[in-house]
């Protein structure tokens, strides 16, 4: 069915507004339009709203009129192409299936596939030749599950640091070799997350140790923790053959933003065995919820946006 015809059947739209491509923005329906959609599909409304998250109560357009909107400005998420093998396993000739996702890309651990917002075709990147990226993705999950919002904030910061390095030196030998092994373009910013994933996790672990050392010192004497962090990242930069004047820039920016500590308060992030696991003591992250995306960090650049300078 033609999309414009379908929208006309579902209700009224804003004057002059046309359907957009699914990777640009999400379509929203009123309750009456959602009910019409369910009738056209011959399924109960409750089942349709369970299957399509943007038809649930919190996302429905207000009012009793059957209407739709397809706004040009998308909400704070991306529409990422789903793993083609996952879609095929559900049966039916679905064609391309898109997921609402907080990041520009997604890794399917079941089938070892990497997909992203600008992908051409449903296949995805086969990760069989990049086991270190898969391992880093799993270790990231364990870190975030253990440390909650604090761990997620540090991972986001670490990707911003490693991504800054990549933007300045995308053909570094390790990353170029990894791209060749995975069949990727070494300068493709959409798949660069895979190339820097192992190093980003090493940076995250170093940042975690820094904050843990600061949290253990009540007198504010953090020079030793800072020296240890710089030494760790200096070793990694040396392995990557990054020039000194380049790798230190994002690290210095991160340290400046993490200079002030949050006040010591009760543990609000867990209980029992998890109590006390609050590694982020920086004021810049204090009270923040888990980042909606890896791009929401304390550093002032979006390295994954090709139009943004770093």
Protein backbone atom coordinates (compact mmCIF):
# COMPACT_ATOMS: atom_id res chain seq x y z
CA UNK A 1 0.00 0.00 0.00
CA UNK A 2 1.29 3.44 -0.89
CA UNK A 3 2.34 5.33 2.24
CA UNK A 4 0.51 8.54 1.32
CA UNK A 5 -2.68 6.55 0.66
CA UNK A 6 -2.30 4.77 4.00
CA UNK A 7 -1.93 8.07 5.85
CA UNK A 8 -5.07 9.43 4.18
CA UNK A 9 -6.95 6.35 5.39
CA UNK A 10 -5.69 6.81 8.95
CA UNK A 11 -6.78 10.44 9.33
CA UNK A 12 -5.83 14.04 8.72
CA UNK A 13 -2.27 15.29 8.68
CA UNK A 14 -0.76 18.77 8.98
CA UNK A 15 -1.30 20.87 5.83
CA UNK A 16 1.44 20.26 3.28
CA UNK A 17 3.21 17.61 5.36
CA UNK A 18 4.36 14.55 3.46
CA UNK A 19 5.66 11.16 4.50
CA UNK A 20 9.38 11.00 5.28
CA UNK A 21 11.86 8.18 5.00
CA UNK A 22 11.76 5.96 8.12
CA UNK A 23 15.38 6.66 9.07
CA UNK A 24 14.65 10.40 9.31
CA UNK A 25 11.73 10.58 11.74
CA UNK A 26 8.94 8.58 13.39
CA UNK A 27 5.24 8.84 12.52
CA UNK A 28 2.80 9.61 15.35
CA UNK A 29 -0.93 8.79 15.45
CA UNK A 30 -3.84 9.83 17.60
CA UNK A 31 -5.81 7.16 19.48
CA UNK A 32 -8.55 7.17 16.83
CA UNK A 33 -6.00 6.82 14.00
CA UNK A 34 -4.27 3.97 15.84
CA UNK A 35 -7.62 2.20 16.17
CA UNK A 36 -8.21 2.61 12.42
CA UNK A 37 -4.78 1.16 11.76
CA UNK A 38 -5.59 -1.87 13.93
CA UNK A 39 -8.88 -2.39 12.07
CA UNK A 40 -7.09 -2.29 8.70
CA UNK A 41 -4.66 -4.95 9.96
CA UNK A 42 -7.44 -7.00 11.60
CA UNK A 43 -5.59 -7.15 14.92
CA UNK A 44 -6.66 -5.95 18.38
CA UNK A 45 -5.60 -2.39 19.18
CA UNK A 46 -3.84 -3.54 22.35
CA UNK A 47 -1.67 -5.98 20.39
CA UNK A 48 -0.75 -3.34 17.81
CA UNK A 49 0.25 -0.88 20.52
CA UNK A 50 2.35 -3.56 22.19
CA UNK A 51 4.12 -4.27 18.90
CA UNK A 52 4.70 -0.61 17.94
CA UNK A 53 6.04 1.41 20.89
CA UNK A 54 5.13 4.77 19.36
CA UNK A 55 1.44 3.81 19.43
CA UNK A 56 1.48 3.49 23.20
CA UNK A 57 -0.31 5.98 25.43
CA UNK A 58 2.61 8.30 26.15
CA UNK A 59 3.30 8.85 22.44
CA UNK A 60 -0.27 9.23 21.11
CA UNK A 61 -1.31 12.60 19.72
CA UNK A 62 -3.89 14.39 21.90
CA UNK A 63 -7.53 14.80 20.92
CA UNK A 64 -10.30 12.53 19.66
CA UNK A 65 -9.83 13.27 15.96
CA UNK A 66 -8.19 10.64 13.74
CA UNK A 67 -4.96 12.33 12.70
CA UNK A 68 -1.26 11.75 12.14
CA UNK A 69 1.98 13.71 12.24
CA UNK A 70 5.35 12.92 10.71
CA UNK A 71 7.51 15.72 12.11
CA UNK A 72 10.75 16.66 10.41
CA UNK A 73 12.57 16.96 13.73
CA UNK A 74 12.96 13.46 15.20
CA UNK A 75 12.79 12.81 18.96
CA UNK A 76 15.91 12.02 20.96
CA UNK A 77 16.55 8.67 19.34
CA UNK A 78 17.47 7.15 16.00
CA UNK A 79 15.78 4.70 13.67
CA UNK A 80 18.36 1.99 13.04
CA UNK A 81 18.03 -0.83 10.57
CA UNK A 82 17.40 -4.13 12.35
CA UNK A 83 19.50 -7.23 11.84
CA UNK A 84 18.19 -8.89 8.68
CA UNK A 85 18.62 -12.37 10.18
CA UNK A 86 16.48 -11.41 13.19
CA UNK A 87 13.76 -10.10 10.88
CA UNK A 88 13.89 -13.25 8.73
CA UNK A 89 13.67 -15.48 11.81
CA UNK A 90 10.30 -13.93 12.68
CA UNK A 91 8.88 -15.13 9.38
CA UNK A 92 7.21 -13.25 6.58
CA UNK A 93 8.66 -11.04 3.87
CA UNK A 94 9.07 -7.90 5.96
CA UNK A 95 11.67 -6.19 3.85
CA UNK A 96 13.67 -3.64 5.82
CA UNK A 97 12.75 -3.41 9.53
CA UNK A 98 13.72 -0.36 11.57
CA UNK A 99 14.25 -0.13 15.33
CA UNK A 100 13.86 2.81 17.67
CA UNK A 101 17.31 2.99 19.22
CA UNK A 102 19.22 5.49 21.43
CA UNK A 103 22.35 5.32 19.25
CA UNK A 104 23.18 5.60 15.56
CA UNK A 105 24.11 1.93 15.42
CA UNK A 106 23.26 -1.44 16.94
CA UNK A 107 25.05 -4.74 17.43
CA UNK A 108 23.07 -7.98 17.27
CA UNK A 109 24.99 -10.38 19.49
CA UNK A 110 22.85 -13.33 18.42
CA UNK A 111 23.85 -13.13 14.76
CA UNK A 112 26.99 -11.03 15.01
CA UNK A 113 25.73 -8.15 12.86
CA UNK A 114 26.35 -4.40 13.06
CA UNK A 115 23.74 -2.06 11.55
CA UNK A 116 23.54 1.73 11.45
CA UNK A 117 21.25 4.57 10.44
CA UNK A 118 22.70 5.18 6.97
CA UNK A 119 23.14 1.58 6.02
CA UNK A 120 22.35 0.61 2.44
CA UNK A 121 20.49 -2.71 2.57
CA UNK A 122 19.53 -5.04 5.43
CA UNK A 123 22.65 -7.22 5.57
CA UNK A 124 24.73 -5.33 8.11
CA UNK A 125 28.40 -5.76 8.91
CA UNK A 126 29.41 -9.35 9.67
CA UNK A 127 31.40 -9.21 12.94
CA UNK A 128 32.93 -12.67 12.58
CA UNK A 129 36.20 -11.02 11.50
CA UNK A 130 36.12 -8.46 14.32
CA UNK A 131 35.89 -10.57 17.49
CA UNK A 132 37.64 -7.88 19.52
CA UNK A 133 34.77 -5.46 18.83
CA UNK A 134 32.20 -8.08 19.90
CA UNK A 135 34.18 -8.76 23.07
CA UNK A 136 34.39 -5.03 23.83
CA UNK A 137 30.62 -4.72 23.36
CA UNK A 138 29.99 -7.50 25.87
CA UNK A 139 32.45 -6.05 28.37
CA UNK A 140 30.76 -2.68 28.03
CA UNK A 141 27.45 -4.32 28.92
CA UNK A 142 28.95 -5.91 32.03
CA UNK A 143 30.50 -2.62 33.11
CA UNK A 144 27.25 -0.69 32.70
CA UNK A 145 25.23 -3.37 34.49
CA UNK A 146 27.64 -3.31 37.40
CA UNK A 147 28.04 0.44 37.78
CA UNK A 148 24.72 1.66 36.40
CA UNK A 149 24.46 5.34 35.35
CA UNK A 150 28.02 6.00 36.54
CA UNK A 151 29.45 3.31 34.29
CA UNK A 152 27.34 4.43 31.34
CA UNK A 153 28.58 8.01 31.76
CA UNK A 154 32.21 6.88 31.74
CA UNK A 155 31.70 4.71 28.65
CA UNK A 156 30.16 7.69 26.82
CA UNK A 157 33.10 9.86 27.86
CA UNK A 158 35.56 7.18 26.74
CA UNK A 159 34.00 6.93 23.28
CA UNK A 160 34.25 10.72 22.99
CA UNK A 161 37.98 10.53 23.77
CA UNK A 162 38.69 7.58 21.46
CA UNK A 163 36.47 9.06 18.77
CA UNK A 164 38.37 12.35 18.92
CA UNK A 165 41.57 10.39 18.38
CA UNK A 166 40.04 8.56 15.41
CA UNK A 167 38.78 11.77 13.79
CA UNK A 168 42.31 13.18 13.93
CA UNK A 169 44.06 9.96 12.85
CA UNK A 170 41.57 7.62 11.10
CA UNK A 171 44.26 5.75 9.16
CA UNK A 172 46.24 4.80 12.25
CA UNK A 173 47.65 1.38 11.47
CA UNK A 174 45.66 -0.58 14.07
CA UNK A 175 42.35 0.95 13.02
CA UNK A 176 43.17 0.70 9.31
CA UNK A 177 44.11 -2.97 9.69
CA UNK A 178 40.90 -3.60 11.63
CA UNK A 179 38.87 -1.90 8.90
CA UNK A 180 40.53 -4.00 6.20
CA UNK A 181 39.89 -7.20 8.14
CA UNK A 182 36.23 -6.30 8.61
CA UNK A 183 35.73 -5.17 5.02
CA UNK A 184 35.06 -1.57 6.13
CA UNK A 185 36.08 1.77 4.72
CA UNK A 186 38.77 3.11 7.08
CA UNK A 187 37.36 6.64 6.93
CA UNK A 188 33.64 5.78 7.24
CA UNK A 189 32.38 7.59 10.32
CA UNK A 190 29.25 5.41 10.58
CA UNK A 191 31.26 2.22 11.15
CA UNK A 192 34.13 3.85 13.05
CA UNK A 193 32.42 2.86 16.33
CA UNK A 194 33.48 -0.70 15.56
CA UNK A 195 37.05 0.31 14.84
CA UNK A 196 37.57 2.18 18.12
CA UNK A 197 35.41 -0.05 20.35
CA UNK A 198 38.27 -2.04 21.98
CA UNK A 199 40.30 1.10 22.69
CA UNK A 200 37.22 2.95 23.97
CA UNK A 201 36.68 0.20 26.53
CA UNK A 202 40.30 0.47 27.63
CA UNK A 203 39.83 4.22 28.06
CA UNK A 204 36.61 3.61 30.01
CA UNK A 205 38.39 1.26 32.39
CA UNK A 206 41.14 3.83 32.92
CA UNK A 207 38.60 6.57 33.63
CA UNK A 208 36.81 4.23 36.03
CA UNK A 209 40.00 3.53 37.98
CA UNK A 210 40.73 7.26 38.14
CA UNK A 211 37.34 8.04 39.66
CA UNK A 212 37.56 5.09 42.05
CA UNK A 213 40.93 6.34 43.29
CA UNK A 214 39.52 9.83 43.78
CA UNK A 215 36.52 8.50 45.65
CA UNK A 216 38.83 6.65 48.05
CA UNK A 217 40.76 9.83 48.93
CA UNK A 218 38.87 12.25 51.14
CA UNK A 219 41.64 14.84 51.40
CA UNK A 220 41.41 15.85 47.75
CA UNK A 221 44.94 14.71 46.96
CA UNK A 222 44.24 13.37 43.49
CA UNK A 223 47.57 14.05 41.79
CA UNK A 224 48.55 10.38 41.98
CA UNK A 225 45.26 9.27 40.40
CA UNK A 226 45.70 11.80 37.58
CA UNK A 227 49.30 10.74 36.96
CA UNK A 228 48.24 7.08 36.79
CA UNK A 229 45.46 7.88 34.32
CA UNK A 230 47.78 9.89 32.07
CA UNK A 231 50.34 7.09 32.16
CA UNK A 232 47.72 4.50 31.16
CA UNK A 233 46.40 6.56 28.27
CA UNK A 234 49.91 7.51 27.22
CA UNK A 235 50.73 3.82 26.82
CA UNK A 236 47.59 3.27 24.75
CA UNK A 237 48.38 6.31 22.59
CA UNK A 238 51.87 4.96 22.04
CA UNK A 239 50.45 1.60 20.91
CA UNK A 240 48.23 3.47 18.46
CA UNK A 241 51.15 5.64 17.33
CA UNK A 242 49.22 8.81 18.08
CA UNK A 243 51.22 12.08 18.15
CA UNK A 244 51.66 13.48 21.65
CA UNK A 245 50.11 16.82 20.79
CA UNK A 246 46.94 15.04 19.61
CA UNK A 247 46.11 12.37 22.16
CA UNK A 248 46.52 14.67 25.17
CA UNK A 249 43.91 17.23 24.04
CA UNK A 250 40.69 15.28 24.85
CA UNK A 251 42.27 13.80 27.97
CA UNK A 252 43.12 17.27 29.30
CA UNK A 253 39.58 18.44 28.51
CA UNK A 254 38.09 15.46 30.36
CA UNK A 255 40.30 16.02 33.41
CA UNK A 256 39.35 19.70 33.51
CA UNK A 257 35.66 18.82 33.51
CA UNK A 258 36.16 16.15 36.19
CA UNK A 259 38.22 18.36 38.46
CA UNK A 260 35.40 19.20 40.87
CA UNK A 261 33.94 16.35 42.89
CA UNK A 262 30.31 15.84 43.77
CA UNK A 263 29.41 16.18 47.45
CA UNK A 264 29.48 12.99 49.48
CA UNK A 265 25.87 11.87 49.92
CA UNK A 266 24.08 8.59 50.57
CA UNK A 267 24.16 5.85 47.99
CA UNK A 268 21.20 6.33 45.67
CA UNK A 269 22.31 3.89 42.99
CA UNK A 270 21.92 0.55 44.67
CA UNK A 271 21.87 -1.48 47.83
CA UNK A 272 23.35 -4.64 49.26
CA UNK A 273 26.36 -5.82 47.23
CA UNK A 274 25.98 -2.85 44.86
CA UNK A 275 26.16 -0.26 47.63
CA UNK A 276 29.28 1.86 47.37
CA UNK A 277 29.81 1.26 43.64
CA UNK A 278 29.66 4.91 42.68
CA UNK A 279 32.83 5.55 40.70
CA UNK A 280 31.83 8.86 39.13
CA UNK A 281 32.53 11.51 41.74
CA UNK A 282 32.79 14.38 39.25
CA UNK A 283 30.33 17.21 39.74
CA UNK A 284 29.74 17.34 35.98
CA UNK A 285 27.97 13.96 36.17
CA UNK A 286 26.41 14.33 39.61
CA UNK A 287 22.72 13.49 39.64
CA UNK A 288 22.61 12.67 35.93
CA UNK A 289 20.53 9.73 34.79
CA UNK A 290 21.91 7.11 32.45
CA UNK A 291 22.81 8.81 29.15
CA UNK A 292 20.21 8.27 26.42
CA UNK A 293 23.07 7.68 24.01
CA UNK A 294 26.81 7.27 23.84
CA UNK A 295 26.86 10.76 22.34
CA UNK A 296 25.57 12.33 25.58
CA UNK A 297 28.75 12.81 27.55
CA UNK A 298 30.48 15.64 29.39
CA UNK A 299 32.83 16.49 26.49
CA UNK A 300 31.82 19.32 24.14
CA UNK A 301 31.89 17.54 20.79
CA UNK A 302 29.99 14.92 18.84
CA UNK A 303 32.75 13.02 17.10
CA UNK A 304 30.26 10.74 15.32
CA UNK A 305 28.70 13.65 13.42
CA UNK A 306 30.72 14.30 10.24
CA UNK A 307 29.49 17.91 10.13
CA UNK A 308 30.88 18.64 13.62
CA UNK A 309 34.48 19.73 14.00
CA UNK A 310 36.57 18.15 16.77
